[in-house]
Amino acid sequence: FGDFCHRVGFEALRQFAASYQPRTSNKLRHRIGIKDEVYVRLKAIAAEQGKPMTELANVAIESYLKTLN
């Protein structure tokens, strides 16, 4: 990092920091807790199906929520 700062120059870094606008993400990542047994089963099924655990969890939760309406 020091090498980079030396090459770019302190003034350029200061200007960048002063005008920096962080990107906003449209994706919010909420977290929930699940029982260890459920996590282990979800992980195994996701591996079997070659899908991300998040995808399977979303499908399962959406399916359950539809039954409540």
Protein backbone atom coordinates (compact mmCIF):
# COMPACT_ATOMS: atom_id res chain seq x y z
CA PHE A 1 0.00 0.00 0.00
CA GLY A 2 2.86 2.39 0.79
CA ASP A 3 4.29 1.86 -2.69
CA PHE A 4 0.92 2.71 -4.23
CA CYS A 5 0.62 5.88 -2.12
CA HIS A 6 4.08 6.96 -3.18
CA ARG A 7 3.31 6.43 -6.89
CA VAL A 8 -0.07 8.18 -6.82
CA GLY A 9 0.91 10.95 -4.48
CA PHE A 10 -0.63 12.14 -1.26
CA GLU A 11 -2.49 15.05 -2.85
CA ALA A 12 -4.26 12.74 -5.32
CA LEU A 13 -5.28 10.45 -2.45
CA ARG A 14 -6.56 13.42 -0.46
CA GLN A 15 -8.65 14.63 -3.42
CA PHE A 16 -10.04 11.16 -3.98
CA ALA A 17 -10.99 10.81 -0.31
CA ALA A 18 -12.67 14.23 -0.29
CA SER A 19 -14.85 13.43 -3.31
CA TYR A 20 -15.44 9.73 -2.64
CA GLN A 21 -19.06 8.61 -3.03
CA PRO A 22 -19.58 5.04 -1.81
CA ARG A 23 -21.72 2.84 -4.02
CA THR A 24 -25.08 1.90 -2.68
CA SER A 25 -26.21 -1.65 -3.07
CA ASN A 26 -29.77 -2.52 -4.02
CA LYS A 27 -29.33 -5.82 -2.25
CA LEU A 28 -29.90 -5.87 1.47
CA ARG A 29 -28.49 -8.84 3.22
CA HIS A 30 -30.55 -9.66 6.25
CA ARG A 31 -29.44 -12.42 8.55
CA ILE A 32 -31.45 -14.95 10.49
CA GLY A 33 -30.46 -17.77 12.77
CA ILE A 34 -31.45 -21.39 12.24
CA LYS A 35 -30.96 -24.52 14.30
CA ASP A 36 -27.75 -26.45 13.71
CA GLU A 37 -29.67 -29.53 12.52
CA VAL A 38 -31.56 -27.48 9.94
CA TYR A 39 -28.32 -25.88 8.74
CA VAL A 40 -26.64 -29.25 8.29
CA ARG A 41 -29.61 -30.63 6.32
CA LEU A 42 -29.84 -27.49 4.19
CA LYS A 43 -26.11 -27.64 3.42
CA ALA A 44 -26.29 -31.32 2.44
CA ILE A 45 -29.31 -30.83 0.16
CA ALA A 46 -27.74 -27.76 -1.45
CA ALA A 47 -24.59 -29.77 -2.19
CA GLU A 48 -26.64 -32.65 -3.65
CA GLN A 49 -28.58 -30.29 -5.91
CA GLY A 50 -25.61 -28.10 -6.78
CA LYS A 51 -27.46 -24.99 -5.62
CA PRO A 52 -26.53 -22.26 -3.15
CA MET A 53 -27.94 -22.65 0.35
CA THR A 54 -29.43 -19.16 0.10
CA GLU A 55 -31.50 -20.15 -2.91
CA LEU A 56 -32.92 -23.22 -1.17
CA ALA A 57 -33.65 -21.27 2.01
CA ASN A 58 -35.46 -18.56 0.04
CA VAL A 59 -37.59 -21.11 -1.81
CA ALA A 60 -38.49 -22.90 1.42
CA ILE A 61 -39.36 -19.72 3.30
CA GLU A 62 -41.37 -18.28 0.39
CA SER A 63 -43.29 -21.54 0.10
CA TYR A 64 -44.08 -21.52 3.80
CA LEU A 65 -45.16 -17.87 3.79
CA LYS A 66 -47.56 -18.52 0.89
CA THR A 67 -49.36 -21.10 3.04
CA LEU A 68 -50.02 -18.42 5.66
CA ASN A 69 -51.99 -16.16 3.33
